[in-house]
Amino acid sequence: MNEKINHHFENKKYSPEDIKFFNNLVEKYHIKQTSEYLIISQVDKEIYIHKWRKILINGEWVKIEDHLKKILSNKDEHET
């Protein structure tokens, strides 16, 4: 599946470094992705996060990996 996504990225706005960055996040955090989003699956919903290096949250720019860690740590707390 990553090959399909990589091929799609190559024809879009993402650089090879961006593709590698997002693929690494997907592998590291065991999440899914589309051409535009990272997807965190939870029991009753899925959270879609735009593929940007930093995202705007409550008026502040936050690194996407830091945001992923926060969401996943909250998910783990709710599952126990």
Protein backbone atom coordinates (compact mmCIF):
# COMPACT_ATOMS: atom_id res chain seq x y z
CA MET A 1 0.00 0.00 0.00
CA ASN A 2 2.85 2.42 0.75
CA GLU A 3 3.95 2.10 -2.86
CA LYS A 4 0.58 3.41 -4.04
CA ILE A 5 0.75 6.28 -1.57
CA ASN A 6 4.37 7.03 -2.46
CA HIS A 7 3.47 7.14 -6.15
CA HIS A 8 0.61 9.51 -5.41
CA PHE A 9 2.89 11.75 -3.32
CA GLU A 10 5.43 11.98 -6.10
CA ASN A 11 2.82 13.64 -8.28
CA LYS A 12 1.66 16.04 -5.59
CA LYS A 13 2.97 18.69 -3.24
CA TYR A 14 5.18 16.49 -1.07
CA SER A 15 8.93 16.31 -1.46
CA PRO A 16 10.78 12.98 -1.15
CA GLU A 17 11.82 14.08 2.35
CA ASP A 18 8.18 14.71 3.27
CA ILE A 19 7.17 11.29 1.97
CA LYS A 20 9.87 9.62 4.04
CA PHE A 21 8.94 11.70 7.11
CA PHE A 22 5.26 10.73 6.96
CA ASN A 23 5.96 7.08 6.15
CA ASN A 24 8.27 6.95 9.18
CA LEU A 25 5.54 8.39 11.41
CA VAL A 26 3.08 5.78 10.12
CA GLU A 27 5.49 2.96 10.90
CA LYS A 28 6.66 4.36 14.24
CA TYR A 29 3.18 5.01 15.63
CA HIS A 30 1.29 2.21 13.85
CA ILE A 31 -1.22 4.55 12.26
CA LYS A 32 -2.71 4.74 8.78
CA GLN A 33 -2.44 7.35 6.06
CA THR A 34 -4.02 8.64 2.91
CA SER A 35 -2.48 11.03 0.45
CA GLU A 36 -3.59 13.98 2.59
CA TYR A 37 -4.04 12.68 6.15
CA LEU A 38 -2.54 10.66 8.95
CA ILE A 39 -5.27 8.55 10.57
CA ILE A 40 -5.45 7.41 14.18
CA SER A 41 -8.02 4.67 14.70
CA GLN A 42 -9.84 4.58 18.00
CA VAL A 43 -12.54 2.24 19.20
CA ASP A 44 -15.44 4.46 18.19
CA LYS A 45 -13.88 6.90 15.70
CA GLU A 46 -10.95 7.82 13.50
CA ILE A 47 -8.96 11.02 13.87
CA TYR A 48 -7.71 12.59 10.63
CA ILE A 49 -4.72 14.93 10.82
CA HIS A 50 -3.55 16.91 7.80
CA LYS A 51 -0.07 15.99 6.62
CA TRP A 52 1.89 19.06 7.56
CA ARG A 53 5.12 19.23 9.54
CA LYS A 54 3.48 21.64 11.99
CA ILE A 55 -0.20 22.14 12.67
CA LEU A 56 -2.06 25.03 14.24
CA ILE A 57 -3.69 24.12 17.55
CA ASN A 58 -5.34 26.73 19.75
CA GLY A 59 -3.43 29.49 17.97
CA GLU A 60 -0.01 27.87 18.34
CA TRP A 61 2.08 25.90 15.83
CA VAL A 62 2.82 22.40 17.12
CA LYS A 63 5.07 19.76 15.54
CA ILE A 64 2.89 17.02 14.12
CA GLU A 65 4.84 14.28 15.89
CA ASP A 66 4.31 16.00 19.25
CA HIS A 67 0.59 16.18 18.51
CA LEU A 68 0.50 12.49 17.54
CA LYS A 69 2.24 11.55 20.80
CA LYS A 70 -0.31 13.54 22.80
CA ILE A 71 -3.30 11.96 21.04
CA LEU A 72 -1.85 8.47 21.37
CA SER A 73 -0.99 8.93 25.06
CA ASN A 74 -4.57 10.10 25.71
CA LYS A 75 -5.84 7.08 23.79
CA ASP A 76 -3.73 4.74 25.95
CA GLU A 77 -5.01 6.37 29.14
CA HIS A 78 -8.62 5.86 28.07
CA GLU A 79 -8.06 2.21 27.17
CA THR A 80 -6.75 1.22 30.62
